[in-house]
PDB file of N, CA and C in Angstrom:
ATOM      1  N   UNK A   1     122.878 100.440-188.409  1.00  0.00           N
ATOM      2  CA  UNK A   1     121.788 100.572-187.529  1.00  0.00           C
ATOM      3  C   UNK A   1     122.139 100.470-185.741  1.00  0.00           C
ATOM      4  N   UNK A   2     122.426  99.401-186.221  1.00  0.00           N
ATOM      5  CA  UNK A   2     122.541  98.866-184.598  1.00  0.00           C
ATOM      6  C   UNK A   2     123.494  99.916-183.632  1.00  0.00           C
ATOM      7  N   UNK A   3     124.494 100.776-184.237  1.00  0.00           N
ATOM      8  CA  UNK A   3     125.096 101.442-183.638  1.00  0.00           C
ATOM      9  C   UNK A   3     124.252 102.753-183.212  1.00  0.00           C
ATOM     10  N   UNK A   4     123.216 103.345-184.556  1.00  0.00           N
ATOM     11  CA  UNK A   4     122.267 104.142-183.634  1.00  0.00           C
ATOM     12  C   UNK A   4     121.625 104.060-182.596  1.00  0.00           C
ATOM     13  N   UNK A   5     121.322 102.787-182.139  1.00  0.00           N
ATOM     14  CA  UNK A   5     120.561 102.524-180.965  1.00  0.00           C
ATOM     15  C   UNK A   5     121.356 102.624-179.609  1.00  0.00           C
ATOM     16  N   UNK A   6     122.943 102.054-180.277  1.00  0.00           N
ATOM     17  CA  UNK A   6     123.507 101.984-178.658  1.00  0.00           C
ATOM     18  C   UNK A   6     123.795 103.622-178.471  1.00  0.00           C
ATOM     19  N   UNK A   7     124.204 103.987-179.815  1.00  0.00           N
ATOM     20  CA  UNK A   7     124.387 105.825-179.212  1.00  0.00           C
ATOM     21  C   UNK A   7     123.497 106.479-178.411  1.00  0.00           C
ATOM     22  N   UNK A   8     122.040 106.243-179.364  1.00  0.00           N
ATOM     23  CA  UNK A   8     120.869 107.023-178.553  1.00  0.00           C
ATOM     24  C   UNK A   8     120.695 106.418-177.099  1.00  0.00           C
ATOM     25  N   UNK A   9     120.540 105.133-176.566  1.00  0.00           N
ATOM     26  CA  UNK A   9     120.645 104.645-175.453  1.00  0.00           C
ATOM     27  C   UNK A   9     122.197 105.290-174.380  1.00  0.00           C
ATOM     28  N   UNK A  10     123.051 105.338-175.342  1.00  0.00           N
ATOM     29  CA  UNK A  10     124.504 106.312-174.565  1.00  0.00           C
ATOM     30  C   UNK A  10     123.921 107.770-173.925  1.00  0.00           C
ATOM     31  N   UNK A  11     123.102 108.374-175.152  1.00  0.00           N
ATOM     32  CA  UNK A  11     122.731 109.534-174.902  1.00  0.00           C
ATOM     33  C   UNK A  11     121.503 110.034-174.030  1.00  0.00           C
ATOM     34  N   UNK A  12     120.630 109.077-173.945  1.00  0.00           N
ATOM     35  CA  UNK A  12     119.924 109.052-172.967  1.00  0.00           C
ATOM     36  C   UNK A  12     120.408 108.986-171.583  1.00  0.00           C
ATOM     37  N   UNK A  13     121.100 108.201-171.441  1.00  0.00           N
ATOM     38  CA  UNK A  13     121.642 107.640-170.045  1.00  0.00           C
ATOM     39  C   UNK A  13     122.463 108.608-169.425  1.00  0.00           C
ATOM     40  N   UNK A  14     123.200 109.336-170.233  1.00  0.00           N
ATOM     41  CA  UNK A  14     124.018 110.862-169.975  1.00  0.00           C
ATOM     42  C   UNK A  14     123.143 111.822-169.673  1.00  0.00           C
ATOM     43  N   UNK A  15     122.049 112.048-170.270  1.00  0.00           N
ATOM     44  CA  UNK A  15     121.065 113.294-170.146  1.00  0.00           C
ATOM     45  C   UNK A  15     120.413 112.933-168.798  1.00  0.00           C
ATOM     46  N   UNK A  16     119.917 111.847-168.208  1.00  0.00           N
ATOM     47  CA  UNK A  16     119.831 111.386-166.536  1.00  0.00           C
ATOM     48  C   UNK A  16     120.938 111.434-165.465  1.00  0.00           C
ATOM     49  N   UNK A  17     122.187 110.642-166.155  1.00  0.00           N
ATOM     50  CA  UNK A  17     123.319 110.984-165.497  1.00  0.00           C
ATOM     51  C   UNK A  17     123.732 112.283-164.875  1.00  0.00           C
ATOM     52  N   UNK A  18     123.248 113.573-166.032  1.00  0.00           N
ATOM     53  CA  UNK A  18     123.858 114.978-165.913  1.00  0.00           C
ATOM     54  C   UNK A  18     122.694 115.805-164.993  1.00  0.00           C
ATOM     55  N   UNK A  19     121.188 114.981-165.234  1.00  0.00           N
ATOM     56  CA  UNK A  19     120.268 115.666-164.450  1.00  0.00           C
ATOM     57  C   UNK A  19     120.037 115.574-163.341  1.00  0.00           C
ATOM     58  N   UNK A  20     120.787 114.274-162.705  1.00  0.00           N
ATOM     59  CA  UNK A  20     120.385 113.855-161.264  1.00  0.00           C
ATOM     60  C   UNK A  20     121.699 114.210-160.702  1.00  0.00           C
ATOM     61  N   UNK A  21     122.811 114.735-161.295  1.00  0.00           N
ATOM     62  CA  UNK A  21     124.163 115.106-160.915  1.00  0.00           C
ATOM     63  C   UNK A  21     124.974 113.964-160.450  1.00  0.00           C
ATOM     64  N   UNK A  22     124.761 113.148-161.344  1.00  0.00           N
ATOM     65  CA  UNK A  22     126.065 111.997-161.602  1.00  0.00           C
ATOM     66  C   UNK A  22     127.226 111.866-161.908  1.00  0.00           C
ATOM     67  N   UNK A  23     127.301 112.805-162.989  1.00  0.00           N
ATOM     68  CA  UNK A  23     128.784 113.456-163.781  1.00  0.00           C
ATOM     69  C   UNK A  23     128.141 114.342-163.808  1.00  0.00           C
ATOM     70  N   UNK A  24     129.882 115.260-164.000  1.00  0.00           N
ATOM     71  CA  UNK A  24     129.908 116.957-164.285  1.00  0.00           C
ATOM     72  C   UNK A  24     130.245 116.864-165.503  1.00  0.00           C
ATOM     73  N   UNK A  25     130.611 118.628-165.624  1.00  0.00           N
ATOM     74  CA  UNK A  25     130.486 119.010-166.982  1.00  0.00           C
ATOM     75  C   UNK A  25     132.019 118.516-167.537  1.00  0.00           C
ATOM     76  N   UNK A  26     132.889 118.451-166.048  1.00  0.00           N
ATOM     77  CA  UNK A  26     134.496 118.376-166.647  1.00  0.00           C
ATOM     78  C   UNK A  26     134.724 116.715-167.072  1.00  0.00           C
ATOM     79  N   UNK A  27     133.901 116.003-166.534  1.00  0.00           N
ATOM     80  CA  UNK A  27     133.754 114.488-166.635  1.00  0.00           C
ATOM     81  C   UNK A  27     133.120 114.343-168.456  1.00  0.00           C
ATOM     82  N   UNK A  28     132.068 115.341-168.573  1.00  0.00           N
ATOM     83  CA  UNK A  28     131.508 115.193-169.628  1.00  0.00           C
ATOM     84  C   UNK A  28     132.674 115.666-170.900  1.00  0.00           C
ATOM     85  N   UNK A  29     133.280 116.442-170.872  1.00  0.00           N
ATOM     86  CA  UNK A  29     134.416 117.085-171.537  1.00  0.00           C
ATOM     87  C   UNK A  29     135.490 115.832-171.919  1.00  0.00           C
ATOM     88  N   UNK A  30     136.039 115.223-170.711  1.00  0.00           N
ATOM     89  CA  UNK A  30     136.593 113.880-171.035  1.00  0.00           C
ATOM     90  C   UNK A  30     136.150 113.219-171.814  1.00  0.00           C
ATOM     91  N   UNK A  31     135.309 112.865-171.554  1.00  0.00           N
ATOM     92  CA  UNK A  31     134.361 111.844-172.306  1.00  0.00           C
ATOM     93  C   UNK A  31     134.116 112.418-173.996  1.00  0.00           C
ATOM     94  N   UNK A  32     133.850 113.659-174.217  1.00  0.00           N
ATOM     95  CA  UNK A  32     134.262 114.560-175.524  1.00  0.00           C
ATOM     96  C   UNK A  32     135.468 113.975-176.388  1.00  0.00           C
ATOM     97  N   UNK A  33     136.599 113.884-175.758  1.00  0.00           N
ATOM     98  CA  UNK A  33     137.633 113.911-175.829  1.00  0.00           C
ATOM     99  C   UNK A  33     137.909 112.082-176.347  1.00  0.00           C
ATOM    100  N   UNK A  34     137.139 111.157-175.508  1.00  0.00           N
ATOM    101  CA  UNK A  34     137.238 109.376-175.751  1.00  0.00           C
ATOM    102  C   UNK A  34     135.987 109.831-177.339  1.00  0.00           C
ATOM    103  N   UNK A  35     135.108 110.570-177.284  1.00  0.00           N
ATOM    104  CA  UNK A  35     134.438 110.060-178.378  1.00  0.00           C
ATOM    105  C   UNK A  35     134.656 110.916-179.911  1.00  0.00           C
ATOM    106  N   UNK A  36     135.492 111.477-179.831  1.00  0.00           N
ATOM    107  CA  UNK A  36     136.279 112.446-181.073  1.00  0.00           C
ATOM    108  C   UNK A  36     136.588 111.611-182.093  1.00  0.00           C
ATOM    109  N   UNK A  37     137.256 110.159-181.721  1.00  0.00           N
ATOM    110  CA  UNK A  37     137.546 109.677-182.801  1.00  0.00           C
ATOM    111  C   UNK A  37     136.575 108.999-183.391  1.00  0.00           C
ATOM    112  N   UNK A  38     135.273 109.255-183.344  1.00  0.00           N
ATOM    113  CA  UNK A  38     134.080 108.992-184.046  1.00  0.00           C
ATOM    114  C   UNK A  38     132.859 109.798-184.240  1.00  0.00           C
ATOM    115  N   UNK A  39     132.886 110.225-185.726  1.00  0.00           N
ATOM    116  CA  UNK A  39     132.435 111.376-186.263  1.00  0.00           C
ATOM    117  C   UNK A  39     130.772 111.304-185.707  1.00  0.00           C
ATOM    118  N   UNK A  40     129.917 109.752-185.559  1.00  0.00           N
ATOM    119  CA  UNK A  40     128.618 109.561-185.358  1.00  0.00           C
ATOM    120  C   UNK A  40     128.345 110.070-183.892  1.00  0.00           C
ATOM    121  N   UNK A  41     129.189 109.314-183.248  1.00  0.00           N
ATOM    122  CA  UNK A  41     129.028 109.593-181.518  1.00  0.00           C
ATOM    123  C   UNK A  41     129.368 111.044-181.043  1.00  0.00           C
ATOM    124  N   UNK A  42     130.377 111.985-182.367  1.00  0.00           N
ATOM    125  CA  UNK A  42     130.309 113.519-181.859  1.00  0.00           C
ATOM    126  C   UNK A  42     129.067 113.984-182.202  1.00  0.00           C
ATOM    127  N   UNK A  43     128.475 113.374-183.491  1.00  0.00           N
ATOM    128  CA  UNK A  43     127.209 114.191-183.764  1.00  0.00           C
ATOM    129  C   UNK A  43     125.891 113.662-182.802  1.00  0.00           C
ATOM    130  N   UNK A  44     125.924 112.386-181.877  1.00  0.00           N
ATOM    131  CA  UNK A  44     124.954 112.395-180.591  1.00  0.00           C
ATOM    132  C   UNK A  44     125.202 113.404-179.060  1.00  0.00           C
ATOM    133  N   UNK A  45     126.897 113.184-179.179  1.00  0.00           N
ATOM    134  CA  UNK A  45     127.443 114.200-177.798  1.00  0.00           C
ATOM    135  C   UNK A  45     127.133 115.812-178.150  1.00  0.00           C
ATOM    136  N   UNK A  46     127.125 116.117-179.456  1.00  0.00           N
ATOM    137  CA  UNK A  46     126.720 117.546-179.589  1.00  0.00           C
ATOM    138  C   UNK A  46     125.468 117.733-179.432  1.00  0.00           C
ATOM    139  N   UNK A  47     124.453 116.869-179.544  1.00  0.00           N
ATOM    140  CA  UNK A  47     122.699 116.867-178.953  1.00  0.00           C
ATOM    141  C   UNK A  47     122.610 117.104-177.930  1.00  0.00           C
ATOM    142  N   UNK A  48     123.720 116.375-177.166  1.00  0.00           N
ATOM    143  CA  UNK A  48     123.257 115.953-175.419  1.00  0.00           C
ATOM    144  C   UNK A  48     123.791 117.146-175.067  1.00  0.00           C
ATOM    145  N   UNK A  49     125.021 118.037-175.576  1.00  0.00           N
ATOM    146  CA  UNK A  49     125.444 119.536-174.867  1.00  0.00           C
ATOM    147  C   UNK A  49     124.506 120.481-175.158  1.00  0.00           C
ATOM    148  N   UNK A  50     123.895 120.264-176.384  1.00  0.00           N
ATOM    149  CA  UNK A  50     123.027 121.288-176.820  1.00  0.00           C
ATOM    150  C   UNK A  50     121.775 120.952-175.689  1.00  0.00           C
ATOM    151  N   UNK A  51     121.003 120.049-175.425  1.00  0.00           N
ATOM    152  CA  UNK A  51     120.286 119.759-174.652  1.00  0.00           C
ATOM    153  C   UNK A  51     120.802 120.391-173.238  1.00  0.00           C
ATOM    154  N   UNK A  52     121.976 119.925-172.858  1.00  0.00           N
ATOM    155  CA  UNK A  52     122.132 120.502-171.199  1.00  0.00           C
ATOM    156  C   UNK A  52     122.442 122.281-171.029  1.00  0.00           C
ATOM    157  N   UNK A  53     123.085 122.333-172.284  1.00  0.00           N
ATOM    158  CA  UNK A  53     123.046 123.890-172.464  1.00  0.00           C
ATOM    159  C   UNK A  53     121.058 124.672-172.812  1.00  0.00           C
ATOM    160  N   UNK A  54     120.384 124.056-172.901  1.00  0.00           N
ATOM    161  CA  UNK A  54     118.973 124.768-173.087  1.00  0.00           C
ATOM    162  C   UNK A  54     118.181 124.256-171.365  1.00  0.00           C
ATOM    163  N   UNK A  55     118.970 123.419-171.318  1.00  0.00           N
ATOM    164  CA  UNK A  55     118.168 123.029-169.451  1.00  0.00           C
ATOM    165  C   UNK A  55     119.049 124.431-168.443  1.00  0.00           C
ATOM    166  N   UNK A  56     120.174 124.523-168.824  1.00  0.00           N
ATOM    167  CA  UNK A  56     120.884 125.534-168.189  1.00  0.00           C
ATOM    168  C   UNK A  56     120.682 126.678-168.132  1.00  0.00           C
ATOM    169  N   UNK A  57     119.747 127.004-169.476  1.00  0.00           N
ATOM    170  CA  UNK A  57     119.165 128.492-169.459  1.00  0.00           C
ATOM    171  C   UNK A  57     118.068 128.494-169.137  1.00  0.00           C
ATOM    172  N   UNK A  58     117.164 127.416-168.497  1.00  0.00           N
ATOM    173  CA  UNK A  58     115.773 127.200-168.500  1.00  0.00           C
ATOM    174  C   UNK A  58     115.102 127.577-169.704  1.00  0.00           C
ATOM    175  N   UNK A  59     115.385 127.060-170.892  1.00  0.00           N
ATOM    176  CA  UNK A  59     114.571 126.866-172.100  1.00  0.00           C
ATOM    177  C   UNK A  59     113.796 125.616-172.272  1.00  0.00           C
ATOM    178  N   UNK A  60     114.276 124.733-171.576  1.00  0.00           N
ATOM    179  CA  UNK A  60     113.565 123.749-171.114  1.00  0.00           C
ATOM    180  C   UNK A  60     113.177 123.677-170.135  1.00  0.00           C
ATOM    181  N   UNK A  61     111.875 123.219-169.602  1.00  0.00           N
ATOM    182  CA  UNK A  61     111.380 122.893-167.915  1.00  0.00           C
ATOM    183  C   UNK A  61     112.203 122.264-167.732  1.00  0.00           C
ATOM    184  N   UNK A  62     112.260 121.605-166.465  1.00  0.00           N
ATOM    185  CA  UNK A  62     112.480 120.083-165.796  1.00  0.00           C
ATOM    186  C   UNK A  62     111.538 120.390-164.437  1.00  0.00           C
ATOM    187  N   UNK A  63     110.918 119.159-164.582  1.00  0.00           N
ATOM    188  CA  UNK A  63     109.839 119.129-163.666  1.00  0.00           C
ATOM    189  C   UNK A  63     110.001 118.168-162.764  1.00  0.00           C
ATOM    190  N   UNK A  64     111.148 118.547-161.813  1.00  0.00           N
ATOM    191  CA  UNK A  64     111.855 118.018-160.934  1.00  0.00           C
ATOM    192  C   UNK A  64     112.527 118.689-159.917  1.00  0.00           C
ATOM    193  N   UNK A  65     113.413 118.133-158.866  1.00  0.00           N
ATOM    194  CA  UNK A  65     113.758 118.983-158.199  1.00  0.00           C
ATOM    195  C   UNK A  65     115.419 118.657-158.400  1.00  0.00           C
ATOM    196  N   UNK A  66     116.116 118.012-160.174  1.00  0.00           N
ATOM    197  CA  UNK A  66     117.121 117.526-160.182  1.00  0.00           C
ATOM    198  C   UNK A  66     117.560 118.911-160.996  1.00  0.00           C
ATOM    199  N   UNK A  67     118.927 118.900-161.152  1.00  0.00           N
ATOM    200  CA  UNK A  67     119.339 120.176-161.673  1.00  0.00           C
ATOM    201  C   UNK A  67     121.091 120.108-162.249  1.00  0.00           C
ATOM    202  N   UNK A  68     121.728 120.272-163.554  1.00  0.00           N
ATOM    203  CA  UNK A  68     122.675 120.017-163.957  1.00  0.00           C
ATOM    204  C   UNK A  68     123.439 120.721-163.097  1.00  0.00           C
ATOM    205  N   UNK A  69     124.539 119.857-162.550  1.00  0.00           N
ATOM    206  CA  UNK A  69     125.643 120.101-161.414  1.00  0.00           C
ATOM    207  C   UNK A  69     127.145 120.688-162.313  1.00  0.00           C
ATOM    208  N   UNK A  70     127.516 121.869-161.876  1.00  0.00           N
ATOM    209  CA  UNK A  70     128.533 122.438-162.445  1.00  0.00           C
ATOM    210  C   UNK A  70     129.411 121.539-161.539  1.00  0.00           C
ATOM    211  N   UNK A  71     130.944 121.297-162.029  1.00  0.00           N
ATOM    212  CA  UNK A  71     132.110 120.997-161.134  1.00  0.00           C
ATOM    213  C   UNK A  71     132.445 121.889-160.578  1.00  0.00           C
ATOM    214  N   UNK A  72     133.199 122.269-159.416  1.00  0.00           N
ATOM    215  CA  UNK A  72     133.902 123.404-159.172  1.00  0.00           C
ATOM    216  C   UNK A  72     135.135 123.332-159.382  1.00  0.00           C
ATOM    217  N   UNK A  73     135.636 124.111-159.272  1.00  0.00           N
ATOM    218  CA  UNK A  73     137.014 124.620-159.511  1.00  0.00           C
ATOM    219  C   UNK A  73     137.566 124.263-161.195  1.00  0.00           C
TER     220      UNK A  73
END
């Protein structure tokens, strides 16, 4: 049960970091590789990526001046 809260906390932090532009999709891809060894972590990460894609498609409104930042290159 404790692991659930740890991953939930990480997921929340990742969403905030992406919205504020602190991390890029390339960095998230690297994170995905690190999380690949844990099925539970992958599930949380998959939910995070789903949220990112919804924000990017404007399916979920973000009421602020922040946005997901794609890395260039």
